[in-house]
PDB file of all heavy atoms in Angstrom:
ATOM      1  N   MET A   1       6.790 -22.440 -25.463  1.00  0.00           N
ATOM      2  CA  MET A   1       6.103 -21.212 -25.068  1.00  0.00           C
ATOM      3  C   MET A   1       4.744 -21.531 -24.441  1.00  0.00           C
ATOM      4  O   MET A   1       4.346 -20.928 -23.445  1.00  0.00           O
ATOM      5  CB  MET A   1       5.920 -20.305 -26.284  1.00  0.00           C
ATOM      6  CG  MET A   1       7.221 -19.763 -26.860  1.00  0.00           C
ATOM      7  SD  MET A   1       6.987 -18.888 -28.433  1.00  0.00           S
ATOM      8  CE  MET A   1       5.917 -17.554 -27.926  1.00  0.00           C
ATOM      9  N   GLU A   2       4.033 -22.490 -25.018  1.00  0.00           N
ATOM     10  CA  GLU A   2       2.738 -22.887 -24.479  1.00  0.00           C
ATOM     11  C   GLU A   2       2.879 -23.479 -23.081  1.00  0.00           C
ATOM     12  O   GLU A   2       2.041 -23.220 -22.200  1.00  0.00           O
ATOM     13  CB  GLU A   2       2.064 -23.898 -25.413  1.00  0.00           C
ATOM     14  CG  GLU A   2       1.618 -23.297 -26.726  1.00  0.00           C
ATOM     15  CD  GLU A   2       1.047 -24.327 -27.690  1.00  0.00           C
ATOM     16  OE1 GLU A   2       1.302 -25.531 -27.492  1.00  0.00           O
ATOM     17  OE2 GLU A   2       0.357 -23.930 -28.632  1.00  0.00           O
ATOM     18  N   CYS A   3       3.932 -24.265 -22.863  1.00  0.00           N
ATOM     19  CA  CYS A   3       4.177 -24.807 -21.513  1.00  0.00           C
ATOM     20  C   CYS A   3       4.364 -23.684 -20.503  1.00  0.00           C
ATOM     21  O   CYS A   3       3.835 -23.739 -19.383  1.00  0.00           O
ATOM     22  CB  CYS A   3       5.412 -25.714 -21.528  1.00  0.00           C
ATOM     23  SG  CYS A   3       5.173 -27.290 -22.368  1.00  0.00           S
ATOM     24  N   ALA A   4       5.114 -22.657 -20.888  1.00  0.00           N
ATOM     25  CA  ALA A   4       5.342 -21.524 -19.987  1.00  0.00           C
ATOM     26  C   ALA A   4       4.028 -20.804 -19.682  1.00  0.00           C
ATOM     27  O   ALA A   4       3.777 -20.394 -18.541  1.00  0.00           O
ATOM     28  CB  ALA A   4       6.346 -20.556 -20.609  1.00  0.00           C
ATOM     29  N   VAL A   5       3.164 -20.669 -20.693  1.00  0.00           N
ATOM     30  CA  VAL A   5       1.872 -20.007 -20.483  1.00  0.00           C
ATOM     31  C   VAL A   5       1.005 -20.818 -19.532  1.00  0.00           C
ATOM     32  O   VAL A   5       0.329 -20.270 -18.653  1.00  0.00           O
ATOM     33  CB  VAL A   5       1.154 -19.788 -21.824  1.00  0.00           C
ATOM     34  CG1 VAL A   5      -0.269 -19.275 -21.594  1.00  0.00           C
ATOM     35  CG2 VAL A   5       1.920 -18.803 -22.689  1.00  0.00           C
ATOM     36  N   VAL A   6       1.013 -22.158 -19.689  1.00  0.00           N
ATOM     37  CA  VAL A   6       0.224 -23.018 -18.798  1.00  0.00           C
ATOM     38  C   VAL A   6       0.703 -22.873 -17.353  1.00  0.00           C
ATOM     39  O   VAL A   6      -0.102 -22.779 -16.422  1.00  0.00           O
ATOM     40  CB  VAL A   6       0.306 -24.493 -19.252  1.00  0.00           C
ATOM     41  CG1 VAL A   6      -0.292 -25.416 -18.194  1.00  0.00           C
ATOM     42  CG2 VAL A   6      -0.425 -24.680 -20.569  1.00  0.00           C
ATOM     43  N   VAL A   7       2.019 -22.849 -17.147  1.00  0.00           N
ATOM     44  CA  VAL A   7       2.558 -22.658 -15.801  1.00  0.00           C
ATOM     45  C   VAL A   7       2.108 -21.310 -15.233  1.00  0.00           C
ATOM     46  O   VAL A   7       1.716 -21.207 -14.063  1.00  0.00           O
ATOM     47  CB  VAL A   7       4.097 -22.747 -15.818  1.00  0.00           C
ATOM     48  CG1 VAL A   7       4.680 -22.337 -14.471  1.00  0.00           C
ATOM     49  CG2 VAL A   7       4.542 -24.167 -16.157  1.00  0.00           C
ATOM     50  N   ALA A   8       2.154 -20.266 -16.064  1.00  0.00           N
ATOM     51  CA  ALA A   8       1.718 -18.946 -15.612  1.00  0.00           C
ATOM     52  C   ALA A   8       0.237 -18.956 -15.250  1.00  0.00           C
ATOM     53  O   ALA A   8      -0.184 -18.308 -14.281  1.00  0.00           O
ATOM     54  CB  ALA A   8       1.988 -17.913 -16.705  1.00  0.00           C
ATOM     55  N   MET A   9      -0.581 -19.700 -16.005  1.00  0.00           N
ATOM     56  CA  MET A   9      -2.012 -19.804 -15.688  1.00  0.00           C
ATOM     57  C   MET A   9      -2.230 -20.466 -14.329  1.00  0.00           C
ATOM     58  O   MET A   9      -3.085 -20.052 -13.550  1.00  0.00           O
ATOM     59  CB  MET A   9      -2.730 -20.590 -16.781  1.00  0.00           C
ATOM     60  CG  MET A   9      -2.886 -19.838 -18.091  1.00  0.00           C
ATOM     61  SD  MET A   9      -3.612 -20.869 -19.393  1.00  0.00           S
ATOM     62  CE  MET A   9      -5.213 -21.237 -18.667  1.00  0.00           C
ATOM     63  N   VAL A  10      -1.457 -21.531 -14.064  1.00  0.00           N
ATOM     64  CA  VAL A  10      -1.575 -22.221 -12.775  1.00  0.00           C
ATOM     65  C   VAL A  10      -1.191 -21.281 -11.631  1.00  0.00           C
ATOM     66  O   VAL A  10      -1.883 -21.212 -10.603  1.00  0.00           O
ATOM     67  CB  VAL A  10      -0.694 -23.488 -12.748  1.00  0.00           C
ATOM     68  CG1 VAL A  10      -0.654 -24.099 -11.358  1.00  0.00           C
ATOM     69  CG2 VAL A  10      -1.212 -24.513 -13.755  1.00  0.00           C
ATOM     70  N   LEU A  11      -0.093 -20.551 -11.802  1.00  0.00           N
ATOM     71  CA  LEU A  11       0.326 -19.600 -10.759  1.00  0.00           C
ATOM     72  C   LEU A  11      -0.729 -18.514 -10.548  1.00  0.00           C
ATOM     73  O   LEU A  11      -1.002 -18.103  -9.416  1.00  0.00           O
ATOM     74  CB  LEU A  11       1.665 -18.972 -11.146  1.00  0.00           C
ATOM     75  CG  LEU A  11       2.874 -19.918 -11.163  1.00  0.00           C
ATOM     76  CD1 LEU A  11       4.112 -19.184 -11.666  1.00  0.00           C
ATOM     77  CD2 LEU A  11       3.125 -20.498  -9.782  1.00  0.00           C
ATOM     78  N   ALA A  12      -1.345 -18.051 -11.638  1.00  0.00           N
ATOM     79  CA  ALA A  12      -2.397 -17.042 -11.511  1.00  0.00           C
ATOM     80  C   ALA A  12      -3.599 -17.601 -10.758  1.00  0.00           C
ATOM     81  O   ALA A  12      -4.189 -16.932  -9.912  1.00  0.00           O
ATOM     82  CB  ALA A  12      -2.814 -16.557 -12.897  1.00  0.00           C
ATOM     83  N   ALA A  13      -3.953 -18.862 -11.072  1.00  0.00           N
ATOM     84  CA  ALA A  13      -5.097 -19.485 -10.396  1.00  0.00           C
ATOM     85  C   ALA A  13      -4.837 -19.648  -8.906  1.00  0.00           C
ATOM     86  O   ALA A  13      -5.718 -19.397  -8.073  1.00  0.00           O
ATOM     87  CB  ALA A  13      -5.400 -20.839 -11.030  1.00  0.00           C
ATOM     88  N   VAL A  14      -3.614 -20.062  -8.544  1.00  0.00           N
ATOM     89  CA  VAL A  14      -3.260 -20.218  -7.129  1.00  0.00           C
ATOM     90  C   VAL A  14      -3.291 -18.861  -6.425  1.00  0.00           C
ATOM     91  O   VAL A  14      -3.795 -18.735  -5.302  1.00  0.00           O
ATOM     92  CB  VAL A  14      -1.872 -20.872  -6.993  1.00  0.00           C
ATOM     93  CG1 VAL A  14      -1.403 -20.846  -5.548  1.00  0.00           C
ATOM     94  CG2 VAL A  14      -1.910 -22.310  -7.499  1.00  0.00           C
ATOM     95  N   SER A  15      -2.753 -17.835  -7.076  1.00  0.00           N
ATOM     96  CA  SER A  15      -2.757 -16.496  -6.486  1.00  0.00           C
ATOM     97  C   SER A  15      -4.182 -16.004  -6.267  1.00  0.00           C
ATOM     98  O   SER A  15      -4.495 -15.418  -5.231  1.00  0.00           O
ATOM     99  CB  SER A  15      -2.004 -15.519  -7.401  1.00  0.00           C
ATOM    100  OG  SER A  15      -0.654 -15.910  -7.547  1.00  0.00           O
ATOM    101  N   MET A  16      -5.050 -16.256  -7.235  1.00  0.00           N
ATOM    102  CA  MET A  16      -6.441 -15.824  -7.112  1.00  0.00           C
ATOM    103  C   MET A  16      -7.114 -16.552  -5.959  1.00  0.00           C
ATOM    104  O   MET A  16      -7.880 -15.958  -5.193  1.00  0.00           O
ATOM    105  CB  MET A  16      -7.177 -16.097  -8.414  1.00  0.00           C
ATOM    106  CG  MET A  16      -8.594 -15.554  -8.461  1.00  0.00           C
ATOM    107  SD  MET A  16      -9.343 -15.729 -10.088  1.00  0.00           S
ATOM    108  CE  MET A  16      -9.428 -17.523 -10.199  1.00  0.00           C
ATOM    109  N   ALA A  17      -6.833 -17.869  -5.815  1.00  0.00           N
ATOM    110  CA  ALA A  17      -7.423 -18.641  -4.723  1.00  0.00           C
ATOM    111  C   ALA A  17      -6.967 -18.131  -3.364  1.00  0.00           C
ATOM    112  O   ALA A  17      -7.673 -18.289  -2.369  1.00  0.00           O
ATOM    113  CB  ALA A  17      -7.062 -20.119  -4.874  1.00  0.00           C
ATOM    114  N   ARG A  18      -5.794 -17.501  -3.311  1.00  0.00           N
ATOM    115  CA  ARG A  18      -5.280 -16.948  -2.060  1.00  0.00           C
ATOM    116  C   ARG A  18      -5.715 -15.503  -1.842  1.00  0.00           C
ATOM    117  O   ARG A  18      -5.256 -14.840  -0.921  1.00  0.00           O
ATOM    118  CB  ARG A  18      -3.754 -17.043  -2.027  1.00  0.00           C
ATOM    119  CG  ARG A  18      -3.255 -18.478  -1.939  1.00  0.00           C
ATOM    120  CD  ARG A  18      -1.725 -18.534  -1.956  1.00  0.00           C
ATOM    121  NE  ARG A  18      -1.255 -19.899  -1.788  1.00  0.00           N
ATOM    122  CZ  ARG A  18      -1.018 -20.487  -0.628  1.00  0.00           C
ATOM    123  NH1 ARG A  18      -1.216 -19.806   0.484  1.00  0.00           N
ATOM    124  NH2 ARG A  18      -0.598 -21.722  -0.561  1.00  0.00           N
ATOM    125  N   GLY A  19      -6.597 -14.996  -2.713  1.00  0.00           N
ATOM    126  CA  GLY A  19      -7.168 -13.675  -2.495  1.00  0.00           C
ATOM    127  C   GLY A  19      -6.505 -12.549  -3.235  1.00  0.00           C
ATOM    128  O   GLY A  19      -6.879 -11.389  -3.060  1.00  0.00           O
ATOM    129  N   ALA A  20      -5.513 -12.850  -4.094  1.00  0.00           N
ATOM    130  CA  ALA A  20      -4.817 -11.782  -4.813  1.00  0.00           C
ATOM    131  C   ALA A  20      -5.683 -11.257  -5.949  1.00  0.00           C
ATOM    132  O   ALA A  20      -6.464 -11.985  -6.549  1.00  0.00           O
ATOM    133  CB  ALA A  20      -3.491 -12.302  -5.375  1.00  0.00           C
ATOM    134  N   GLY A  21      -5.552  -9.960  -6.224  1.00  0.00           N
ATOM    135  CA  GLY A  21      -6.183  -9.370  -7.387  1.00  0.00           C
ATOM    136  C   GLY A  21      -7.588  -8.886  -7.213  1.00  0.00           C
ATOM    137  O   GLY A  21      -8.184  -8.342  -8.143  1.00  0.00           O
ATOM    138  N   ALA A  22      -8.176  -9.072  -6.007  1.00  0.00           N
ATOM    139  CA  ALA A  22      -9.566  -8.677  -5.813  1.00  0.00           C
ATOM    140  C   ALA A  22      -9.708  -7.168  -5.900  1.00  0.00           C
ATOM    141  O   ALA A  22      -8.875  -6.420  -5.405  1.00  0.00           O
ATOM    142  CB  ALA A  22     -10.081  -9.180  -4.475  1.00  0.00           C
ATOM    143  N   VAL A  23     -10.780  -6.725  -6.518  1.00  0.00           N
ATOM    144  CA  VAL A  23     -11.073  -5.300  -6.634  1.00  0.00           C
ATOM    145  C   VAL A  23     -12.340  -5.012  -5.857  1.00  0.00           C
ATOM    146  O   VAL A  23     -13.386  -5.591  -6.127  1.00  0.00           O
ATOM    147  CB  VAL A  23     -11.277  -4.893  -8.106  1.00  0.00           C
ATOM    148  CG1 VAL A  23     -11.611  -3.408  -8.192  1.00  0.00           C
ATOM    149  CG2 VAL A  23     -10.042  -5.208  -8.921  1.00  0.00           C
ATOM    150  N   GLY A  24     -12.268  -4.112  -4.857  1.00  0.00           N
ATOM    151  CA  GLY A  24     -13.462  -3.748  -4.109  1.00  0.00           C
ATOM    152  C   GLY A  24     -13.936  -4.891  -3.247  1.00  0.00           C
ATOM    153  O   GLY A  24     -13.173  -5.713  -2.766  1.00  0.00           O
ATOM    154  N   THR A  25     -15.260  -4.968  -3.021  1.00  0.00           N
ATOM    155  CA  THR A  25     -15.848  -5.938  -2.134  1.00  0.00           C
ATOM    156  C   THR A  25     -15.833  -7.316  -2.754  1.00  0.00           C
ATOM    157  O   THR A  25     -16.151  -7.485  -3.922  1.00  0.00           O
ATOM    158  CB  THR A  25     -17.302  -5.534  -1.828  1.00  0.00           C
ATOM    159  OG1 THR A  25     -17.285  -4.226  -1.285  1.00  0.00           O
ATOM    160  CG2 THR A  25     -17.926  -6.486  -0.830  1.00  0.00           C
ATOM    161  N   VAL A  26     -15.484  -8.336  -1.974  1.00  0.00           N
ATOM    162  CA  VAL A  26     -15.497  -9.704  -2.458  1.00  0.00           C
ATOM    163  C   VAL A  26     -16.933 -10.168  -2.595  1.00  0.00           C
ATOM    164  O   VAL A  26     -17.764  -9.906  -1.747  1.00  0.00           O
ATOM    165  CB  VAL A  26     -14.733 -10.618  -1.482  1.00  0.00           C
ATOM    166  CG1 VAL A  26     -14.828 -12.061  -1.931  1.00  0.00           C
ATOM    167  CG2 VAL A  26     -13.289 -10.179  -1.397  1.00  0.00           C
ATOM    168  N   GLY A  27     -17.209 -10.909  -3.658  1.00  0.00           N
ATOM    169  CA  GLY A  27     -18.536 -11.504  -3.795  1.00  0.00           C
ATOM    170  C   GLY A  27     -19.379 -10.805  -4.834  1.00  0.00           C
ATOM    171  O   GLY A  27     -19.016  -9.777  -5.403  1.00  0.00           O
ATOM    172  N   ALA A  28     -20.540 -11.404  -5.097  1.00  0.00           N
ATOM    173  CA  ALA A  28     -21.413 -10.908  -6.153  1.00  0.00           C
ATOM    174  C   ALA A  28     -22.077  -9.596  -5.764  1.00  0.00           C
ATOM    175  O   ALA A  28     -22.392  -8.764  -6.605  1.00  0.00           O
ATOM    176  CB  ALA A  28     -22.471 -11.952  -6.474  1.00  0.00           C
ATOM    177  N   THR A  29     -22.358  -9.385  -4.484  1.00  0.00           N
ATOM    178  CA  THR A  29     -23.010  -8.163  -4.022  1.00  0.00           C
ATOM    179  C   THR A  29     -21.949  -7.145  -3.664  1.00  0.00           C
ATOM    180  O   THR A  29     -21.252  -7.282  -2.678  1.00  0.00           O
ATOM    181  CB  THR A  29     -23.884  -8.446  -2.789  1.00  0.00           C
ATOM    182  OG1 THR A  29     -24.791  -9.485  -3.114  1.00  0.00           O
ATOM    183  CG2 THR A  29     -24.624  -7.203  -2.362  1.00  0.00           C
ATOM    184  N   ARG A  30     -21.829  -6.116  -4.485  1.00  0.00           N
ATOM    185  CA  ARG A  30     -20.784  -5.127  -4.271  1.00  0.00           C
ATOM    186  C   ARG A  30     -21.362  -3.906  -3.578  1.00  0.00           C
ATOM    187  O   ARG A  30     -22.533  -3.582  -3.706  1.00  0.00           O
ATOM    188  CB  ARG A  30     -20.142  -4.718  -5.602  1.00  0.00           C
ATOM    189  CG  ARG A  30     -19.435  -5.891  -6.271  1.00  0.00           C
ATOM    190  CD  ARG A  30     -18.810  -5.450  -7.579  1.00  0.00           C
ATOM    191  NE  ARG A  30     -17.828  -4.420  -7.387  1.00  0.00           N
ATOM    192  CZ  ARG A  30     -16.585  -4.638  -7.024  1.00  0.00           C
ATOM    193  NH1 ARG A  30     -16.184  -5.857  -6.769  1.00  0.00           N
ATOM    194  NH2 ARG A  30     -15.736  -3.632  -6.886  1.00  0.00           N
ATOM    195  N   ASP A  31     -20.492  -3.191  -2.828  1.00  0.00           N
ATOM    196  CA  ASP A  31     -20.935  -2.052  -2.051  1.00  0.00           C
ATOM    197  C   ASP A  31     -20.277  -0.763  -2.530  1.00  0.00           C
ATOM    198  O   ASP A  31     -20.104   0.181  -1.769  1.00  0.00           O
ATOM    199  CB  ASP A  31     -20.624  -2.270  -0.564  1.00  0.00           C
ATOM    200  CG  ASP A  31     -21.361  -3.479  -0.026  1.00  0.00           C
ATOM    201  OD1 ASP A  31     -22.603  -3.451  -0.003  1.00  0.00           O
ATOM    202  OD2 ASP A  31     -20.690  -4.430   0.366  1.00  0.00           O
ATOM    203  N   ALA A  32     -19.906  -0.746  -3.817  1.00  0.00           N
ATOM    204  CA  ALA A  32     -19.191   0.424  -4.330  1.00  0.00           C
ATOM    205  C   ALA A  32     -20.038   1.678  -4.233  1.00  0.00           C
ATOM    206  O   ALA A  32     -19.521   2.787  -4.108  1.00  0.00           O
ATOM    207  CB  ALA A  32     -18.796   0.175  -5.787  1.00  0.00           C
ATOM    208  N   ALA A  33     -21.363   1.525  -4.297  1.00  0.00           N
ATOM    209  CA  ALA A  33     -22.226   2.698  -4.263  1.00  0.00           C
ATOM    210  C   ALA A  33     -22.514   3.170  -2.850  1.00  0.00           C
ATOM    211  O   ALA A  33     -23.119   4.216  -2.652  1.00  0.00           O
ATOM    212  CB  ALA A  33     -23.552   2.376  -4.964  1.00  0.00           C
ATOM    213  N   VAL A  34     -22.093   2.395  -1.850  1.00  0.00           N
ATOM    214  CA  VAL A  34     -22.362   2.757  -0.462  1.00  0.00           C
ATOM    215  C   VAL A  34     -21.181   3.539   0.080  1.00  0.00           C
ATOM    216  O   VAL A  34     -20.053   3.057   0.075  1.00  0.00           O
ATOM    217  CB  VAL A  34     -22.576   1.490   0.389  1.00  0.00           C
ATOM    218  CG1 VAL A  34     -22.863   1.881   1.831  1.00  0.00           C
ATOM    219  CG2 VAL A  34     -23.719   0.666  -0.183  1.00  0.00           C
ATOM    220  N   PRO A  35     -21.364   4.761   0.531  1.00  0.00           N
ATOM    221  CA  PRO A  35     -20.238   5.540   1.051  1.00  0.00           C
ATOM    222  C   PRO A  35     -19.656   4.882   2.283  1.00  0.00           C
ATOM    223  O   PRO A  35     -20.390   4.393   3.135  1.00  0.00           O
ATOM    224  CB  PRO A  35     -20.853   6.904   1.382  1.00  0.00           C
ATOM    225  CG  PRO A  35     -22.319   6.641   1.552  1.00  0.00           C
ATOM    226  CD  PRO A  35     -22.639   5.504   0.630  1.00  0.00           C
ATOM    227  N   THR A  36     -18.334   4.865   2.364  1.00  0.00           N
ATOM    228  CA  THR A  36     -17.667   4.260   3.505  1.00  0.00           C
ATOM    229  C   THR A  36     -17.251   5.333   4.482  1.00  0.00           C
ATOM    230  O   THR A  36     -17.115   6.509   4.137  1.00  0.00           O
ATOM    231  CB  THR A  36     -16.420   3.483   3.045  1.00  0.00           C
ATOM    232  OG1 THR A  36     -15.575   4.368   2.320  1.00  0.00           O
ATOM    233  CG2 THR A  36     -16.814   2.326   2.145  1.00  0.00           C
ATOM    234  N   SER A  37     -16.994   4.908   5.718  1.00  0.00           N
ATOM    235  CA  SER A  37     -16.620   5.851   6.761  1.00  0.00           C
ATOM    236  C   SER A  37     -15.212   6.329   6.544  1.00  0.00           C
ATOM    237  O   SER A  37     -14.331   5.578   6.152  1.00  0.00           O
ATOM    238  CB  SER A  37     -16.742   5.165   8.128  1.00  0.00           C
ATOM    239  OG  SER A  37     -18.062   4.723   8.334  1.00  0.00           O
ATOM    240  N   ALA A  38     -14.946   7.569   6.834  1.00  0.00           N
ATOM    241  CA  ALA A  38     -13.602   8.107   6.705  1.00  0.00           C
ATOM    242  C   ALA A  38     -12.774   7.696   7.904  1.00  0.00           C
ATOM    243  O   ALA A  38     -13.278   7.238   8.912  1.00  0.00           O
ATOM    244  CB  ALA A  38     -13.669   9.638   6.615  1.00  0.00           C
ATOM    245  N   GLY A  39     -11.464   7.875   7.755  1.00  0.00           N
ATOM    246  CA  GLY A  39     -10.561   7.568   8.872  1.00  0.00           C
ATOM    247  C   GLY A  39     -10.334   6.095   8.966  1.00  0.00           C
ATOM    248  O   GLY A  39      -9.851   5.461   8.069  1.00  0.00           O
ATOM    249  N   GLY A  40     -10.725   5.494  10.080  1.00  0.00           N
ATOM    250  CA  GLY A  40     -10.565   4.058  10.227  1.00  0.00           C
ATOM    251  C   GLY A  40      -9.583   3.685  11.299  1.00  0.00           C
ATOM    252  O   GLY A  40      -9.182   2.537  11.358  1.00  0.00           O
ATOM    253  N   GLY A  41      -9.133   4.637  12.135  1.00  0.00           N
ATOM    254  CA  GLY A  41      -8.240   4.274  13.222  1.00  0.00           C
ATOM    255  C   GLY A  41      -8.971   3.455  14.257  1.00  0.00           C
ATOM    256  O   GLY A  41     -10.198   3.470  14.339  1.00  0.00           O
ATOM    257  N   ALA A  42      -8.191   2.743  15.082  1.00  0.00           N
ATOM    258  CA  ALA A  42      -8.807   1.842  16.057  1.00  0.00           C
ATOM    259  C   ALA A  42      -9.700   2.591  17.024  1.00  0.00           C
ATOM    260  O   ALA A  42     -10.691   2.057  17.511  1.00  0.00           O
ATOM    261  CB  ALA A  42      -7.702   1.096  16.831  1.00  0.00           C
ATOM    262  N   GLY A  43      -9.403   3.856  17.289  1.00  0.00           N
ATOM    263  CA  GLY A  43     -10.210   4.592  18.245  1.00  0.00           C
ATOM    264  C   GLY A  43     -11.161   5.582  17.603  1.00  0.00           C
ATOM    265  O   GLY A  43     -11.703   6.440  18.271  1.00  0.00           O
TER     266      GLY A  43
END
């Protein structure tokens, strides 16, 4: 069981390194309090 958990930890670490699981803005300085623009279409 411990071996399976270690494998799962490695997979989680690889996924995190590839950007999975991020919530909101990446990095220490978050912009959650800054209102974002609505819409977002190319034009």
